Amino acid sequence: MNSKKAKRIRALVKHLQQKGALETAEWTTYGSIGGNKMVTKQDAQGNLIQVREATATTALDPKCGRSVYKQMKKRISNGKV
């Protein structure tokens, strides 16, 4: 895809954001995928304690402008539009 098409897609996504068609008004919003798990560890005195560790990874919110732009760009590159 050339830069002219990419500029048009970005302009379209920004227009959708301004008109309120996209729920998230920001261009980049991060969320997380995954959750937490309980792990047994030793504290300073050597006692075993249960600790909650995050196993989530940071990812783009699928409703923000940047991720919508990426999805549209991917669809055009694959020839689905």
C-alpha atoms as a PDB file:
ATOM      1  CA  MET A   1       0.000   0.000   0.000  1.00  0.00           C
ATOM      2  CA  ASN A   2       1.332   3.420  -0.880  1.00  0.00           C
ATOM      3  CA  SER A   3       1.445   6.460   1.391  1.00  0.00           C
ATOM      4  CA  LYS A   4      -1.491   8.156  -0.360  1.00  0.00           C
ATOM      5  CA  LYS A   5      -3.831   5.296   0.609  1.00  0.00           C
ATOM      6  CA  ALA A   6      -2.430   5.262   4.146  1.00  0.00           C
ATOM      7  CA  LYS A   7      -3.083   9.013   4.499  1.00  0.00           C
ATOM      8  CA  ARG A   8      -6.665   8.526   3.316  1.00  0.00           C
ATOM      9  CA  ILE A   9      -7.245   5.729   5.818  1.00  0.00           C
ATOM     10  CA  ARG A  10      -5.798   7.822   8.670  1.00  0.00           C
ATOM     11  CA  ALA A  11      -7.998  10.750   7.658  1.00  0.00           C
ATOM     12  CA  LEU A  12     -11.043   8.468   7.564  1.00  0.00           C
ATOM     13  CA  VAL A  13     -10.299   7.075  11.031  1.00  0.00           C
ATOM     14  CA  LYS A  14      -9.789  10.580  12.465  1.00  0.00           C
ATOM     15  CA  HIS A  15     -13.072  11.653  10.876  1.00  0.00           C
ATOM     16  CA  LEU A  16     -14.834   8.660  12.461  1.00  0.00           C
ATOM     17  CA  GLN A  17     -13.336   9.625  15.830  1.00  0.00           C
ATOM     18  CA  GLN A  18     -14.489  13.228  15.539  1.00  0.00           C
ATOM     19  CA  LYS A  19     -18.029  12.188  14.612  1.00  0.00           C
ATOM     20  CA  GLY A  20     -18.201   9.748  17.540  1.00  0.00           C
ATOM     21  CA  ALA A  21     -18.425   6.563  15.491  1.00  0.00           C
ATOM     22  CA  LEU A  22     -15.489   5.084  17.424  1.00  0.00           C
ATOM     23  CA  GLU A  23     -15.966   4.621  21.164  1.00  0.00           C
ATOM     24  CA  THR A  24     -12.425   5.687  22.069  1.00  0.00           C
ATOM     25  CA  ALA A  25     -11.552   9.239  21.035  1.00  0.00           C
ATOM     26  CA  GLU A  26      -7.778   8.799  21.506  1.00  0.00           C
ATOM     27  CA  TRP A  27      -5.493   7.688  18.704  1.00  0.00           C
ATOM     28  CA  THR A  28      -3.505   5.334  20.970  1.00  0.00           C
ATOM     29  CA  THR A  29      -5.011   3.600  24.008  1.00  0.00           C
ATOM     30  CA  TYR A  30      -3.378   0.613  25.658  1.00  0.00           C
ATOM     31  CA  GLY A  31      -5.121  -2.198  27.459  1.00  0.00           C
ATOM     32  CA  SER A  32      -4.019  -5.589  28.686  1.00  0.00           C
ATOM     33  CA  ILE A  33      -4.550  -9.153  27.564  1.00  0.00           C
ATOM     34  CA  GLY A  34      -4.320 -11.895  30.152  1.00  0.00           C
ATOM     35  CA  GLY A  35      -4.750 -11.936  33.889  1.00  0.00           C
ATOM     36  CA  ASN A  36      -3.098 -12.816  37.174  1.00  0.00           C
ATOM     37  CA  LYS A  37      -1.936 -16.055  38.767  1.00  0.00           C
ATOM     38  CA  MET A  38      -1.069 -17.057  42.302  1.00  0.00           C
ATOM     39  CA  VAL A  39       2.549 -18.101  42.908  1.00  0.00           C
ATOM     40  CA  THR A  40       4.165 -19.443  46.057  1.00  0.00           C
ATOM     41  CA  LYS A  41       7.363 -17.572  47.009  1.00  0.00           C
ATOM     42  CA  GLN A  42       9.590 -17.138  50.031  1.00  0.00           C
ATOM     43  CA  ASP A  43       9.584 -13.900  51.989  1.00  0.00           C
ATOM     44  CA  ALA A  44      12.610 -12.355  53.747  1.00  0.00           C
ATOM     45  CA  GLN A  45      12.295 -14.698  56.754  1.00  0.00           C
ATOM     46  CA  GLY A  46      12.076 -17.821  54.573  1.00  0.00           C
ATOM     47  CA  ASN A  47       8.321 -18.378  55.017  1.00  0.00           C
ATOM     48  CA  LEU A  48       6.262 -19.500  52.035  1.00  0.00           C
ATOM     49  CA  ILE A  49       3.631 -16.960  51.012  1.00  0.00           C
ATOM     50  CA  GLN A  50       1.083 -16.715  48.193  1.00  0.00           C
ATOM     51  CA  VAL A  51       1.798 -13.812  45.828  1.00  0.00           C
ATOM     52  CA  ARG A  52      -0.336 -12.659  42.909  1.00  0.00           C
ATOM     53  CA  GLU A  53       1.723 -12.091  39.747  1.00  0.00           C
ATOM     54  CA  ALA A  54       0.501 -10.360  36.618  1.00  0.00           C
ATOM     55  CA  THR A  55       0.646 -12.455  33.470  1.00  0.00           C
ATOM     56  CA  ALA A  56      -0.949  -9.822  31.256  1.00  0.00           C
ATOM     57  CA  THR A  57       0.699  -8.285  28.243  1.00  0.00           C
ATOM     58  CA  THR A  58       0.146  -4.727  27.049  1.00  0.00           C
ATOM     59  CA  ALA A  59      -1.800  -4.393  23.810  1.00  0.00           C
ATOM     60  CA  LEU A  60      -3.630  -1.724  21.836  1.00  0.00           C
ATOM     61  CA  ASP A  61      -7.291  -1.250  22.659  1.00  0.00           C
ATOM     62  CA  PRO A  62      -9.174  -2.601  19.601  1.00  0.00           C
ATOM     63  CA  LYS A  63     -11.490   0.438  19.621  1.00  0.00           C
ATOM     64  CA  CYS A  64      -8.794   3.154  19.533  1.00  0.00           C
ATOM     65  CA  GLY A  65      -7.924   4.975  16.328  1.00  0.00           C
ATOM     66  CA  ARG A  66      -4.524   3.397  15.799  1.00  0.00           C
ATOM     67  CA  SER A  67      -5.790  -0.175  16.020  1.00  0.00           C
ATOM     68  CA  VAL A  68      -8.749   0.579  13.716  1.00  0.00           C
ATOM     69  CA  TYR A  69      -6.281   2.110  11.241  1.00  0.00           C
ATOM     70  CA  LYS A  70      -4.074  -1.006  11.437  1.00  0.00           C
ATOM     71  CA  GLN A  71      -7.072  -3.294  10.890  1.00  0.00           C
ATOM     72  CA  MET A  72      -8.235  -1.284   7.866  1.00  0.00           C
ATOM     73  CA  LYS A  73      -4.715  -1.198   6.426  1.00  0.00           C
ATOM     74  CA  LYS A  74      -4.360  -4.956   6.888  1.00  0.00           C
ATOM     75  CA  ARG A  75      -7.666  -5.616   5.133  1.00  0.00           C
ATOM     76  CA  ILE A  76      -6.680  -3.453   2.160  1.00  0.00           C
ATOM     77  CA  SER A  77      -3.250  -5.113   1.940  1.00  0.00           C
ATOM     78  CA  ASN A  78      -4.885  -8.544   1.910  1.00  0.00           C
ATOM     79  CA  GLY A  79      -7.273  -7.451  -0.841  1.00  0.00           C
ATOM     80  CA  LYS A  80     -10.469  -7.931   1.187  1.00  0.00           C
ATOM     81  CA  VAL A  81     -11.867  -4.467   0.479  1.00  0.00           C
END
